Amino acid sequence: MTVLGESIDHHVKEEQDEMFPKAKKAKLDLDALGAQMLERRQELKATGRTSKAKKLASVA
């Protein structure tokens, strides 16, 4: 659990310190990007192609 927590903390810090500032600097339309991501996720769910993590969780 400790390693998982550390991994999550690292991921969040990387998003806040690197990814989000780059997205702001690129002047991306984050609302449109989020809508595209949601649409793609729904497409994948409809075809049964979901994330590896969800597949693994369903086996456990």
N, C-alpha and C. Protein backbone atom coordinates (compact mmCIF):
# COMPACT_ATOMS: atom_id res chain seq x y z
N MET A 1 0.82 -1.20 0.00
CA MET A 1 0.00 0.00 0.00
C MET A 1 0.87 1.26 0.00
N THR A 2 1.99 1.18 0.68
CA THR A 2 2.88 2.34 0.74
C THR A 2 3.40 2.68 -0.66
N VAL A 3 3.81 1.66 -1.40
CA VAL A 3 4.34 1.88 -2.75
C VAL A 3 3.24 2.44 -3.66
N LEU A 4 2.04 1.91 -3.53
CA LEU A 4 0.93 2.42 -4.33
C LEU A 4 0.68 3.89 -4.02
N GLY A 5 0.66 4.24 -2.75
CA GLY A 5 0.47 5.63 -2.34
C GLY A 5 1.56 6.53 -2.89
N GLU A 6 2.79 6.06 -2.85
CA GLU A 6 3.90 6.84 -3.38
C GLU A 6 3.77 7.03 -4.89
N SER A 7 3.32 5.98 -5.57
CA SER A 7 3.13 6.07 -7.03
C SER A 7 2.05 7.08 -7.37
N ILE A 8 0.98 7.06 -6.61
CA ILE A 8 -0.11 8.01 -6.84
C ILE A 8 0.37 9.44 -6.58
N ASP A 9 1.07 9.64 -5.47
CA ASP A 9 1.61 10.97 -5.15
C ASP A 9 2.53 11.47 -6.26
N HIS A 10 3.38 10.58 -6.77
CA HIS A 10 4.30 10.95 -7.85
C HIS A 10 3.52 11.34 -9.11
N HIS A 11 2.51 10.56 -9.44
CA HIS A 11 1.69 10.84 -10.62
C HIS A 11 0.98 12.19 -10.50
N VAL A 12 0.38 12.45 -9.36
CA VAL A 12 -0.32 13.71 -9.14
C VAL A 12 0.65 14.89 -9.24
N LYS A 13 1.81 14.75 -8.62
CA LYS A 13 2.81 15.83 -8.67
C LYS A 13 3.27 16.06 -10.11
N GLU A 14 3.47 15.00 -10.86
CA GLU A 14 3.89 15.14 -12.25
C GLU A 14 2.83 15.87 -13.07
N GLU A 15 1.56 15.53 -12.84
CA GLU A 15 0.49 16.23 -13.55
C GLU A 15 0.48 17.71 -13.19
N GLN A 16 0.55 18.01 -11.90
CA GLN A 16 0.46 19.40 -11.45
C GLN A 16 1.67 20.23 -11.89
N ASP A 17 2.85 19.64 -11.81
CA ASP A 17 4.08 20.39 -12.07
C ASP A 17 4.50 20.41 -13.54
N GLU A 18 4.08 19.40 -14.31
CA GLU A 18 4.57 19.30 -15.68
C GLU A 18 3.46 19.32 -16.73
N MET A 19 2.52 18.40 -16.59
CA MET A 19 1.52 18.24 -17.64
C MET A 19 0.53 19.40 -17.73
N PHE A 20 -0.02 19.81 -16.60
CA PHE A 20 -1.00 20.90 -16.62
C PHE A 20 -0.39 22.22 -17.08
N PRO A 21 0.81 22.58 -16.60
CA PRO A 21 1.41 23.82 -17.11
C PRO A 21 1.66 23.77 -18.62
N LYS A 22 2.07 22.61 -19.14
CA LYS A 22 2.29 22.48 -20.58
C LYS A 22 0.98 22.64 -21.34
N ALA A 23 -0.09 22.06 -20.80
CA ALA A 23 -1.41 22.18 -21.46
C ALA A 23 -1.86 23.64 -21.46
N LYS A 24 -1.66 24.34 -20.36
CA LYS A 24 -2.04 25.77 -20.31
C LYS A 24 -1.21 26.58 -21.30
N LYS A 25 0.09 26.30 -21.37
CA LYS A 25 0.97 27.03 -22.26
C LYS A 25 0.59 26.77 -23.72
N ALA A 26 0.14 25.57 -24.02
CA ALA A 26 -0.26 25.22 -25.39
C ALA A 26 -1.63 25.79 -25.73
N LYS A 27 -2.29 26.34 -24.73
CA LYS A 27 -3.62 26.93 -24.90
C LYS A 27 -4.61 25.94 -25.49
N LEU A 28 -4.56 24.72 -24.95
CA LEU A 28 -5.50 23.69 -25.37
C LEU A 28 -6.89 24.00 -24.85
N ASP A 29 -7.89 23.62 -25.60
CA ASP A 29 -9.26 23.72 -25.13
C ASP A 29 -9.53 22.47 -24.29
N LEU A 30 -9.32 22.59 -22.99
CA LEU A 30 -9.41 21.43 -22.11
C LEU A 30 -10.83 20.88 -22.03
N ASP A 31 -11.83 21.72 -22.17
CA ASP A 31 -13.21 21.24 -22.18
C ASP A 31 -13.45 20.35 -23.40
N ALA A 32 -12.97 20.78 -24.55
CA ALA A 32 -13.13 20.00 -25.78
C ALA A 32 -12.32 18.71 -25.69
N LEU A 33 -11.13 18.79 -25.15
CA LEU A 33 -10.30 17.59 -24.98
C LEU A 33 -10.98 16.59 -24.06
N GLY A 34 -11.54 17.08 -22.96
CA GLY A 34 -12.25 16.20 -22.04
C GLY A 34 -13.44 15.54 -22.70
N ALA A 35 -14.16 16.29 -23.52
CA ALA A 35 -15.32 15.73 -24.23
C ALA A 35 -14.87 14.65 -25.21
N GLN A 36 -13.75 14.88 -25.90
CA GLN A 36 -13.22 13.88 -26.83
C GLN A 36 -12.79 12.61 -26.09
N MET A 37 -12.16 12.80 -24.94
CA MET A 37 -11.72 11.65 -24.15
C MET A 37 -12.92 10.85 -23.65
N LEU A 38 -13.95 11.52 -23.21
CA LEU A 38 -15.16 10.84 -22.74
C LEU A 38 -15.81 10.07 -23.89
N GLU A 39 -15.88 10.70 -25.04
CA GLU A 39 -16.47 10.04 -26.22
C GLU A 39 -15.68 8.78 -26.58
N ARG A 40 -14.36 8.88 -26.56
CA ARG A 40 -13.52 7.72 -26.89
C ARG A 40 -13.68 6.62 -25.85
N ARG A 41 -13.77 6.99 -24.59
CA ARG A 41 -13.97 6.00 -23.52
C ARG A 41 -15.28 5.25 -23.73
N GLN A 42 -16.32 5.99 -24.09
CA GLN A 42 -17.62 5.37 -24.33
C GLN A 42 -17.56 4.43 -25.53
N GLU A 43 -16.81 4.82 -26.57
CA GLU A 43 -16.63 3.94 -27.73
C GLU A 43 -15.94 2.65 -27.32
N LEU A 44 -14.90 2.76 -26.53
CA LEU A 44 -14.17 1.57 -26.09
C LEU A 44 -15.05 0.68 -25.22
N LYS A 45 -15.83 1.27 -24.35
CA LYS A 45 -16.73 0.50 -23.50
C LYS A 45 -17.76 -0.24 -24.34
N ALA A 46 -18.26 0.42 -25.38
CA ALA A 46 -19.29 -0.17 -26.24
C ALA A 46 -18.75 -1.37 -27.02
N THR A 47 -17.46 -1.35 -27.33
CA THR A 47 -16.87 -2.45 -28.07
C THR A 47 -16.24 -3.48 -27.15
N GLY A 48 -16.33 -3.26 -25.85
CA GLY A 48 -15.76 -4.19 -24.88
C GLY A 48 -14.26 -4.03 -24.70
N ARG A 49 -13.70 -3.01 -25.28
CA ARG A 49 -12.26 -2.76 -25.15
C ARG A 49 -12.03 -1.75 -24.05
N THR A 50 -11.98 -2.22 -22.82
CA THR A 50 -11.78 -1.34 -21.67
C THR A 50 -10.34 -1.42 -21.21
N SER A 51 -10.02 -0.66 -20.21
CA SER A 51 -8.63 -0.60 -19.74
C SER A 51 -8.19 -1.93 -19.15
N LYS A 52 -6.91 -2.18 -19.23
CA LYS A 52 -6.30 -3.39 -18.70
C LYS A 52 -6.58 -3.52 -17.20
N ALA A 53 -6.56 -2.41 -16.50
CA ALA A 53 -6.79 -2.42 -15.05
C ALA A 53 -8.19 -2.93 -14.74
N LYS A 54 -9.18 -2.51 -15.49
CA LYS A 54 -10.54 -2.97 -15.25
C LYS A 54 -10.68 -4.45 -15.53
N LYS A 55 -10.00 -4.93 -16.58
CA LYS A 55 -10.03 -6.34 -16.91
C LYS A 55 -9.41 -7.17 -15.78
N LEU A 56 -8.28 -6.68 -15.28
CA LEU A 56 -7.62 -7.38 -14.20
C LEU A 56 -8.48 -7.37 -12.94
N ALA A 57 -9.15 -6.28 -12.66
CA ALA A 57 -9.99 -6.19 -11.47
C ALA A 57 -11.16 -7.16 -11.56
N SER A 58 -11.69 -7.37 -12.75
CA SER A 58 -12.83 -8.26 -12.88
C SER A 58 -12.42 -9.72 -12.70
N VAL A 59 -11.16 -10.03 -12.91
CA VAL A 59 -10.66 -11.40 -12.75
C VAL A 59 -10.43 -11.69 -11.26
N ALA A 60 -10.03 -10.69 -10.52
CA ALA A 60 -9.68 -10.87 -9.10
C ALA A 60 -10.90 -11.11 -8.24
